[in-house]
Amino acid sequence: MTDEFVKRSAQEYLAGQFAEGGASYEARMNREAAIALAPVVWRDLVRTVTESCDAWNSVTKEATLVCKETMLGDLRVRCSGRAQQLVFHLDSPRLLVRVENTARLEHEPKVVLSIEGYPAESGRSARLVRNNEPVNVQMLVLEHLRVLAGLSRKII
């Protein structure tokens, strides 16, 4: 009977080791995907912001929002007639995207998004994540553009 308990305990130990090994392998693969695909995630974010500004300007029929990439690699959005600006900054060594909106209220938290790899049907992919949840980039950008333009964050 003791041999049976020893066998079960050893098997339980092996199962735990196997699960740990699988989790560390998965974490390593996700980290590698995030590092490799961070430039793609950044380009998608820049494209989304630029398209949103262009759509906004086509409705207002004037250059209300001006998007510009700086020499530092930041993306800055300015609203005509307002002193505030919206800055998207990629911190590539840390795999972070900081969103700084000077038009936000003081009590609102700063937005820091992380780039995270994940398993996809075609291998690995990467996305922006906030508070361990995937970010809807279009909605995030639209909310910040609304605040920058002096509107409420809520979309009617």
N, C-alpha and C. Protein backbone atom coordinates (compact mmCIF):
# COMPACT_ATOMS: atom_id res chain seq x y z
N MET A 1 0.82 -1.19 0.00
CA MET A 1 0.00 0.00 0.00
C MET A 1 0.87 1.26 0.00
N THR A 2 1.98 1.25 0.69
CA THR A 2 2.86 2.40 0.73
C THR A 2 3.45 2.66 -0.65
N ASP A 3 3.77 1.61 -1.39
CA ASP A 3 4.32 1.78 -2.73
C ASP A 3 3.32 2.49 -3.64
N GLU A 4 2.06 2.18 -3.46
CA GLU A 4 1.02 2.82 -4.28
C GLU A 4 0.93 4.31 -3.99
N PHE A 5 1.03 4.68 -2.72
CA PHE A 5 1.01 6.10 -2.35
C PHE A 5 2.26 6.81 -2.88
N VAL A 6 3.38 6.15 -2.82
CA VAL A 6 4.62 6.72 -3.33
C VAL A 6 4.50 6.93 -4.84
N LYS A 7 3.96 5.93 -5.53
CA LYS A 7 3.77 6.04 -6.98
C LYS A 7 2.87 7.22 -7.32
N ARG A 8 1.74 7.31 -6.64
CA ARG A 8 0.80 8.41 -6.88
C ARG A 8 1.45 9.76 -6.61
N SER A 9 2.17 9.85 -5.53
CA SER A 9 2.84 11.10 -5.19
C SER A 9 3.87 11.47 -6.24
N ALA A 10 4.62 10.50 -6.70
CA ALA A 10 5.62 10.76 -7.74
C ALA A 10 4.94 11.18 -9.04
N GLN A 11 3.83 10.54 -9.39
CA GLN A 11 3.10 10.92 -10.59
C GLN A 11 2.52 12.32 -10.47
N GLU A 12 2.02 12.65 -9.28
CA GLU A 12 1.50 14.00 -9.04
C GLU A 12 2.62 15.03 -9.18
N TYR A 13 3.80 14.67 -8.66
CA TYR A 13 4.95 15.56 -8.80
C TYR A 13 5.31 15.76 -10.27
N LEU A 14 5.35 14.70 -11.04
CA LEU A 14 5.67 14.79 -12.47
C LEU A 14 4.63 15.62 -13.22
N ALA A 15 3.38 15.44 -12.87
CA ALA A 15 2.32 16.23 -13.52
C ALA A 15 2.50 17.71 -13.22
N GLY A 16 2.86 18.04 -11.98
CA GLY A 16 3.12 19.44 -11.62
C GLY A 16 4.30 20.01 -12.37
N GLN A 17 5.36 19.22 -12.48
CA GLN A 17 6.55 19.66 -13.22
C GLN A 17 6.22 19.88 -14.69
N PHE A 18 5.42 18.96 -15.25
CA PHE A 18 5.03 19.08 -16.66
C PHE A 18 4.20 20.35 -16.88
N ALA A 19 3.27 20.63 -15.96
CA ALA A 19 2.43 21.83 -16.07
C ALA A 19 3.28 23.09 -15.94
N GLU A 20 4.24 23.10 -15.01
CA GLU A 20 5.14 24.25 -14.86
C GLU A 20 5.97 24.47 -16.11
N GLY A 21 6.49 23.37 -16.66
CA GLY A 21 7.30 23.47 -17.87
C GLY A 21 6.48 24.00 -19.04
N GLY A 22 5.25 23.54 -19.17
CA GLY A 22 4.37 24.03 -20.24
C GLY A 22 4.04 25.50 -20.07
N ALA A 23 3.80 25.92 -18.83
CA ALA A 23 3.48 27.32 -18.57
C ALA A 23 4.67 28.22 -18.85
N SER A 24 5.88 27.79 -18.46
CA SER A 24 7.05 28.62 -18.72
C SER A 24 7.36 28.66 -20.22
N TYR A 25 7.13 27.56 -20.91
CA TYR A 25 7.32 27.54 -22.37
C TYR A 25 6.34 28.50 -23.03
N GLU A 26 5.10 28.45 -22.61
CA GLU A 26 4.06 29.34 -23.16
C GLU A 26 4.40 30.80 -22.89
N ALA A 27 4.83 31.10 -21.68
CA ALA A 27 5.20 32.48 -21.33
C ALA A 27 6.39 32.95 -22.17
N ARG A 28 7.37 32.08 -22.38
CA ARG A 28 8.53 32.43 -23.20
C ARG A 28 8.13 32.68 -24.65
N MET A 29 7.28 31.83 -25.19
CA MET A 29 6.82 32.00 -26.58
C MET A 29 6.01 33.29 -26.73
N ASN A 30 5.16 33.59 -25.76
CA ASN A 30 4.38 34.83 -25.81
C ASN A 30 5.28 36.05 -25.73
N ARG A 31 6.30 36.00 -24.89
CA ARG A 31 7.25 37.11 -24.77
C ARG A 31 8.01 37.32 -26.08
N GLU A 32 8.47 36.24 -26.68
CA GLU A 32 9.18 36.33 -27.95
C GLU A 32 8.28 36.91 -29.05
N ALA A 33 7.02 36.49 -29.06
CA ALA A 33 6.06 37.02 -30.06
C ALA A 33 5.83 38.51 -29.83
N ALA A 34 5.72 38.91 -28.58
CA ALA A 34 5.50 40.33 -28.27
C ALA A 34 6.69 41.16 -28.72
N ILE A 35 7.89 40.68 -28.49
CA ILE A 35 9.09 41.41 -28.90
C ILE A 35 9.17 41.50 -30.42
N ALA A 36 8.92 40.39 -31.09
CA ALA A 36 9.02 40.36 -32.55
C ALA A 36 7.93 41.18 -33.23
N LEU A 37 6.73 41.19 -32.65
CA LEU A 37 5.59 41.83 -33.31
C LEU A 37 5.26 43.22 -32.76
N ALA A 38 6.05 43.72 -31.82
CA ALA A 38 5.80 45.06 -31.27
C ALA A 38 5.77 46.14 -32.35
N PRO A 39 6.69 46.13 -33.33
CA PRO A 39 6.60 47.15 -34.38
C PRO A 39 5.30 47.06 -35.20
N VAL A 40 4.80 45.86 -35.40
CA VAL A 40 3.54 45.69 -36.14
C VAL A 40 2.38 46.25 -35.33
N VAL A 41 2.36 45.97 -34.03
CA VAL A 41 1.31 46.49 -33.15
C VAL A 41 1.35 48.02 -33.15
N TRP A 42 2.56 48.59 -33.08
CA TRP A 42 2.71 50.05 -33.09
C TRP A 42 2.21 50.64 -34.41
N ARG A 43 2.59 50.03 -35.54
CA ARG A 43 2.14 50.52 -36.85
C ARG A 43 0.62 50.46 -36.97
N ASP A 44 0.02 49.40 -36.44
CA ASP A 44 -1.44 49.29 -36.46
C ASP A 44 -2.08 50.40 -35.63
N LEU A 45 -1.49 50.71 -34.49
CA LEU A 45 -2.00 51.79 -33.65
C LEU A 45 -1.88 53.13 -34.37
N VAL A 46 -0.73 53.39 -34.97
CA VAL A 46 -0.52 54.64 -35.71
C VAL A 46 -1.52 54.75 -36.86
N ARG A 47 -1.73 53.64 -37.58
CA ARG A 47 -2.69 53.63 -38.68
C ARG A 47 -4.10 53.92 -38.17
N THR A 48 -4.48 53.32 -37.07
CA THR A 48 -5.81 53.53 -36.50
C THR A 48 -6.00 54.99 -36.09
N VAL A 49 -5.01 55.58 -35.44
CA VAL A 49 -5.10 56.98 -35.02
C VAL A 49 -5.20 57.88 -36.24
N THR A 50 -4.35 57.64 -37.23
CA THR A 50 -4.35 58.47 -38.44
C THR A 50 -5.67 58.36 -39.19
N GLU A 51 -6.18 57.15 -39.33
CA GLU A 51 -7.47 56.97 -40.01
C GLU A 51 -8.60 57.64 -39.24
N SER A 52 -8.56 57.56 -37.92
CA SER A 52 -9.59 58.21 -37.10
C SER A 52 -9.54 59.72 -37.26
N CYS A 53 -8.34 60.29 -37.29
CA CYS A 53 -8.19 61.73 -37.49
C CYS A 53 -8.69 62.14 -38.88
N ASP A 54 -8.34 61.34 -39.89
CA ASP A 54 -8.79 61.64 -41.26
C ASP A 54 -10.32 61.57 -41.36
N ALA A 55 -10.92 60.56 -40.72
CA ALA A 55 -12.38 60.44 -40.75
C ALA A 55 -13.02 61.63 -40.04
N TRP A 56 -12.46 62.02 -38.90
CA TRP A 56 -12.97 63.17 -38.15
C TRP A 56 -12.90 64.42 -39.02
N ASN A 57 -11.74 64.64 -39.66
CA ASN A 57 -11.54 65.82 -40.49
C ASN A 57 -12.44 65.81 -41.73
N SER A 58 -12.75 64.64 -42.26
CA SER A 58 -13.63 64.59 -43.43
C SER A 58 -15.06 64.97 -43.05
N VAL A 59 -15.46 64.69 -41.82
CA VAL A 59 -16.79 65.09 -41.37
C VAL A 59 -16.84 66.58 -41.10
N THR A 60 -15.81 67.11 -40.45
CA THR A 60 -15.80 68.54 -40.12
C THR A 60 -15.41 69.40 -41.32
N LYS A 61 -14.87 68.78 -42.37
CA LYS A 61 -14.44 69.46 -43.59
C LYS A 61 -13.38 70.53 -43.34
N GLU A 62 -12.57 70.30 -42.32
CA GLU A 62 -11.41 71.15 -42.04
C GLU A 62 -10.41 70.31 -41.25
N ALA A 63 -9.22 70.80 -41.14
CA ALA A 63 -8.16 70.07 -40.42
C ALA A 63 -8.30 70.31 -38.92
N THR A 64 -9.33 69.74 -38.33
CA THR A 64 -9.58 69.90 -36.91
C THR A 64 -8.52 69.17 -36.09
N LEU A 65 -8.21 67.94 -36.49
CA LEU A 65 -7.21 67.13 -35.80
C LEU A 65 -6.00 66.95 -36.71
N VAL A 66 -4.83 67.23 -36.16
CA VAL A 66 -3.59 67.10 -36.93
C VAL A 66 -2.74 66.02 -36.27
N CYS A 67 -2.44 64.95 -37.02
CA CYS A 67 -1.59 63.87 -36.55
C CYS A 67 -0.19 64.06 -37.10
N LYS A 68 0.80 63.84 -36.26
CA LYS A 68 2.18 64.02 -36.71
C LYS A 68 3.08 63.08 -35.92
N GLU A 69 3.94 62.35 -36.64
CA GLU A 69 4.95 61.54 -35.97
C GLU A 69 6.18 62.41 -35.75
N THR A 70 6.73 62.36 -34.56
CA THR A 70 7.88 63.19 -34.23
C THR A 70 9.17 62.43 -34.53
N MET A 71 10.27 63.14 -34.46
CA MET A 71 11.59 62.53 -34.67
C MET A 71 11.88 61.49 -33.59
N LEU A 72 11.26 61.64 -32.43
CA LEU A 72 11.46 60.69 -31.33
C LEU A 72 10.66 59.41 -31.52
N GLY A 73 9.77 59.41 -32.52
CA GLY A 73 8.96 58.23 -32.78
C GLY A 73 7.59 58.30 -32.13
N ASP A 74 7.30 59.37 -31.42
CA ASP A 74 5.98 59.54 -30.83
C ASP A 74 4.98 59.92 -31.92
N LEU A 75 3.72 59.69 -31.63
CA LEU A 75 2.65 60.15 -32.49
C LEU A 75 1.89 61.21 -31.69
N ARG A 76 1.80 62.42 -32.24
CA ARG A 76 1.13 63.52 -31.56
C ARG A 76 -0.09 63.95 -32.34
N VAL A 77 -1.17 64.20 -31.61
CA VAL A 77 -2.40 64.67 -32.21
C VAL A 77 -2.75 65.99 -31.54
N ARG A 78 -2.99 67.00 -32.36
CA ARG A 78 -3.41 68.32 -31.86
C ARG A 78 -4.78 68.64 -32.41
N CYS A 79 -5.55 69.36 -31.61
CA CYS A 79 -6.88 69.81 -32.03
C CYS A 79 -6.80 71.32 -32.25
N SER A 80 -7.26 71.76 -33.41
CA SER A 80 -7.18 73.20 -33.71
C SER A 80 -8.00 73.99 -32.70
N GLY A 81 -7.45 75.11 -32.28
CA GLY A 81 -8.13 75.98 -31.34
C GLY A 81 -7.98 75.57 -29.89
N ARG A 82 -7.22 74.52 -29.63
CA ARG A 82 -7.02 74.05 -28.25
C ARG A 82 -5.53 73.86 -28.00
N ALA A 83 -5.11 74.11 -26.78
CA ALA A 83 -3.69 74.00 -26.43
C ALA A 83 -3.29 72.56 -26.11
N GLN A 84 -4.24 71.69 -25.83
CA GLN A 84 -3.93 70.33 -25.41
C GLN A 84 -3.46 69.48 -26.60
N GLN A 85 -2.83 68.38 -26.24
CA GLN A 85 -2.40 67.43 -27.26
C GLN A 85 -2.51 66.01 -26.72
N LEU A 86 -2.54 65.09 -27.64
CA LEU A 86 -2.61 63.67 -27.34
C LEU A 86 -1.33 63.05 -27.87
N VAL A 87 -0.61 62.33 -27.01
CA VAL A 87 0.68 61.76 -27.40
C VAL A 87 0.63 60.25 -27.16
N PHE A 88 1.01 59.51 -28.19
CA PHE A 88 1.18 58.06 -28.10
C PHE A 88 2.69 57.81 -28.16
N HIS A 89 3.21 57.12 -27.15
CA HIS A 89 4.66 56.87 -27.07
C HIS A 89 4.91 55.39 -26.90
N LEU A 90 5.75 54.83 -27.79
CA LEU A 90 6.14 53.43 -27.69
C LEU A 90 7.44 53.32 -26.89
N ASP A 91 7.38 52.58 -25.80
CA ASP A 91 8.58 52.27 -25.00
C ASP A 91 8.94 50.82 -25.36
N SER A 92 9.69 50.67 -26.44
CA SER A 92 9.94 49.33 -26.99
C SER A 92 10.72 48.40 -26.06
N PRO A 93 11.71 48.87 -25.28
CA PRO A 93 12.38 47.91 -24.39
C PRO A 93 11.44 47.30 -23.35
N ARG A 94 10.46 48.07 -22.92
CA ARG A 94 9.52 47.57 -21.90
C ARG A 94 8.24 47.03 -22.51
N LEU A 95 8.09 47.13 -23.84
CA LEU A 95 6.88 46.70 -24.54
C LEU A 95 5.64 47.41 -23.99
N LEU A 96 5.76 48.73 -23.83
CA LEU A 96 4.66 49.54 -23.32
C LEU A 96 4.31 50.65 -24.31
N VAL A 97 3.04 51.01 -24.34
CA VAL A 97 2.58 52.18 -25.09
C VAL A 97 1.92 53.10 -24.08
N ARG A 98 2.46 54.32 -23.97
CA ARG A 98 1.89 55.31 -23.06
C ARG A 98 1.02 56.26 -23.86
N VAL A 99 -0.16 56.55 -23.33
CA VAL A 99 -1.08 57.49 -23.96
C VAL A 99 -1.22 58.66 -23.00
N GLU A 100 -0.73 59.82 -23.43
CA GLU A 100 -0.79 61.01 -22.60
C GLU A 100 -1.71 62.01 -23.26
N ASN A 101 -2.82 62.29 -22.61
CA ASN A 101 -3.80 63.23 -23.12
C ASN A 101 -3.85 64.40 -22.15
N THR A 102 -3.32 65.54 -22.55
CA THR A 102 -3.28 66.68 -21.64
C THR A 102 -4.66 67.29 -21.42
N ALA A 103 -5.64 66.87 -22.19
CA ALA A 103 -7.01 67.37 -22.01
C ALA A 103 -7.79 66.54 -20.99
N ARG A 104 -7.22 65.45 -20.53
CA ARG A 104 -7.96 64.61 -19.58
C ARG A 104 -8.07 65.31 -18.23
N LEU A 105 -9.06 64.93 -17.46
CA LEU A 105 -9.23 65.49 -16.13
C LEU A 105 -8.13 64.96 -15.20
N GLU A 106 -7.81 65.73 -14.20
CA GLU A 106 -6.70 65.38 -13.30
C GLU A 106 -6.92 64.06 -12.58
N HIS A 107 -8.17 63.74 -12.24
CA HIS A 107 -8.42 62.52 -11.48
C HIS A 107 -8.42 61.26 -12.35
N GLU A 108 -8.44 61.44 -13.68
CA GLU A 108 -8.43 60.28 -14.56
C GLU A 108 -7.03 59.68 -14.60
N PRO A 109 -6.95 58.35 -14.57
CA PRO A 109 -5.62 57.73 -14.58
C PRO A 109 -4.94 57.85 -15.94
N LYS A 110 -3.62 57.82 -15.92
CA LYS A 110 -2.87 57.79 -17.17
C LYS A 110 -3.04 56.41 -17.79
N VAL A 111 -2.97 56.36 -19.09
CA VAL A 111 -3.18 55.10 -19.79
C VAL A 111 -1.83 54.52 -20.19
N VAL A 112 -1.58 53.31 -19.71
CA VAL A 112 -0.38 52.57 -20.08
C VAL A 112 -0.84 51.21 -20.59
N LEU A 113 -0.51 50.94 -21.84
CA LEU A 113 -0.88 49.68 -22.47
C LEU A 113 0.37 48.83 -22.63
N SER A 114 0.22 47.53 -22.50
CA SER A 114 1.37 46.66 -22.73
C SER A 114 1.13 45.85 -23.99
N ILE A 115 2.22 45.50 -24.63
CA ILE A 115 2.16 44.65 -25.81
C ILE A 115 2.40 43.23 -25.34
N GLU A 116 1.45 42.36 -25.66
CA GLU A 116 1.49 40.99 -25.15
C GLU A 116 1.31 40.02 -26.30
N GLY A 117 2.11 38.98 -26.31
CA GLY A 117 1.96 37.92 -27.30
C GLY A 117 0.90 36.94 -26.84
N TYR A 118 0.30 36.25 -27.79
CA TYR A 118 -0.70 35.25 -27.45
C TYR A 118 -0.77 34.21 -28.58
N PRO A 119 -1.24 33.01 -28.27
CA PRO A 119 -1.36 31.99 -29.32
C PRO A 119 -2.55 32.32 -30.23
N ALA A 120 -2.34 32.21 -31.54
CA ALA A 120 -3.39 32.46 -32.51
C ALA A 120 -3.49 31.24 -33.42
N GLU A 121 -4.50 31.24 -34.26
CA GLU A 121 -4.69 30.10 -35.17
C GLU A 121 -3.49 29.89 -36.07
N SER A 122 -2.87 30.97 -36.48
CA SER A 122 -1.73 30.87 -37.41
C SER A 122 -0.40 31.05 -36.69
N GLY A 123 -0.27 30.51 -35.51
CA GLY A 123 0.97 30.63 -34.75
C GLY A 123 0.82 31.57 -33.58
N ARG A 124 1.61 32.62 -33.56
CA ARG A 124 1.57 33.60 -32.48
C ARG A 124 1.23 34.97 -33.04
N SER A 125 0.62 35.78 -32.22
CA SER A 125 0.31 37.15 -32.58
C SER A 125 0.55 38.02 -31.35
N ALA A 126 0.35 39.33 -31.51
CA ALA A 126 0.53 40.25 -30.39
C ALA A 126 -0.57 41.29 -30.43
N ARG A 127 -0.87 41.86 -29.27
CA ARG A 127 -1.93 42.86 -29.15
C ARG A 127 -1.64 43.78 -27.98
N LEU A 128 -2.40 44.87 -27.93
CA LEU A 128 -2.31 45.79 -26.80
C LEU A 128 -3.23 45.30 -25.70
N VAL A 129 -2.73 45.39 -24.46
CA VAL A 129 -3.47 44.88 -23.30
C VAL A 129 -3.43 45.94 -22.21
N ARG A 130 -4.56 46.07 -21.50
CA ARG A 130 -4.62 46.94 -20.33
C ARG A 130 -5.35 46.20 -19.23
N ASN A 131 -4.77 46.15 -18.06
CA ASN A 131 -5.34 45.42 -16.92
C ASN A 131 -5.65 43.97 -17.29
N ASN A 132 -4.73 43.34 -18.00
CA ASN A 132 -4.84 41.94 -18.42
C ASN A 132 -6.01 41.66 -19.35
N GLU A 133 -6.54 42.69 -19.99
CA GLU A 133 -7.65 42.54 -20.94
C GLU A 133 -7.23 43.13 -22.28
N PRO A 134 -7.56 42.47 -23.40
CA PRO A 134 -7.25 43.05 -24.71
C PRO A 134 -7.97 44.38 -24.89
N VAL A 135 -7.31 45.31 -25.59
CA VAL A 135 -7.84 46.65 -25.77
C VAL A 135 -8.52 46.76 -27.14
N ASN A 136 -9.70 47.37 -27.16
CA ASN A 136 -10.34 47.73 -28.41
C ASN A 136 -9.71 49.06 -28.82
N VAL A 137 -8.74 48.99 -29.72
CA VAL A 137 -7.92 50.15 -30.05
C VAL A 137 -8.77 51.27 -30.66
N GLN A 138 -9.70 50.94 -31.53
CA GLN A 138 -10.53 51.97 -32.16
C GLN A 138 -11.33 52.75 -31.13
N MET A 139 -11.90 52.06 -30.17
CA MET A 139 -12.69 52.74 -29.13
C MET A 139 -11.79 53.59 -28.23
N LEU A 140 -10.63 53.07 -27.88
CA LEU A 140 -9.69 53.82 -27.05
C LEU A 140 -9.28 55.11 -27.74
N VAL A 141 -8.94 55.02 -29.02
CA VAL A 141 -8.53 56.20 -29.78
C VAL A 141 -9.68 57.19 -29.87
N LEU A 142 -10.87 56.70 -30.18
CA LEU A 142 -12.02 57.60 -30.31
C LEU A 142 -12.32 58.32 -28.99
N GLU A 143 -12.25 57.61 -27.88
CA GLU A 143 -12.50 58.24 -26.58
C GLU A 143 -11.48 59.35 -26.31
N HIS A 144 -10.22 59.10 -26.62
CA HIS A 144 -9.19 60.12 -26.39
C HIS A 144 -9.34 61.29 -27.35
N LEU A 145 -9.74 61.04 -28.58
CA LEU A 145 -9.97 62.15 -29.52
C LEU A 145 -11.14 63.00 -29.06
N ARG A 146 -12.18 62.38 -28.53
CA ARG A 146 -13.32 63.14 -28.02
C ARG A 146 -12.91 64.04 -26.86
N VAL A 147 -12.11 63.51 -25.93
CA VAL A 147 -11.64 64.31 -24.79
C VAL A 147 -10.76 65.45 -25.29
N LEU A 148 -9.89 65.15 -26.25
CA LEU A 148 -9.01 66.18 -26.81
C LEU A 148 -9.80 67.30 -27.46
N ALA A 149 -10.91 66.95 -28.11
CA ALA A 149 -11.74 67.96 -28.79
C ALA A 149 -12.67 68.69 -27.83
N GLY A 150 -12.68 68.31 -26.56
CA GLY A 150 -13.52 69.00 -25.57
C GLY A 150 -14.89 68.36 -25.40
N LEU A 151 -15.07 67.16 -25.92
CA LEU A 151 -16.34 66.44 -25.76
C LEU A 151 -16.22 65.47 -24.58
N SER A 152 -17.35 64.89 -24.19
CA SER A 152 -17.30 63.90 -23.13
C SER A 152 -16.75 62.60 -23.69
N ARG A 153 -16.21 61.79 -22.81
CA ARG A 153 -15.61 60.52 -23.21
C ARG A 153 -16.67 59.54 -23.73
N LYS A 154 -17.88 59.64 -23.20
CA LYS A 154 -18.94 58.72 -23.56
C LYS A 154 -19.43 58.98 -24.98
N ILE A 155 -19.61 57.89 -25.69
CA ILE A 155 -20.11 57.96 -27.07
C ILE A 155 -21.61 57.73 -27.04
N ILE A 156 -22.31 58.63 -27.67
CA ILE A 156 -23.78 58.56 -27.62
C ILE A 156 -24.29 57.46 -28.51
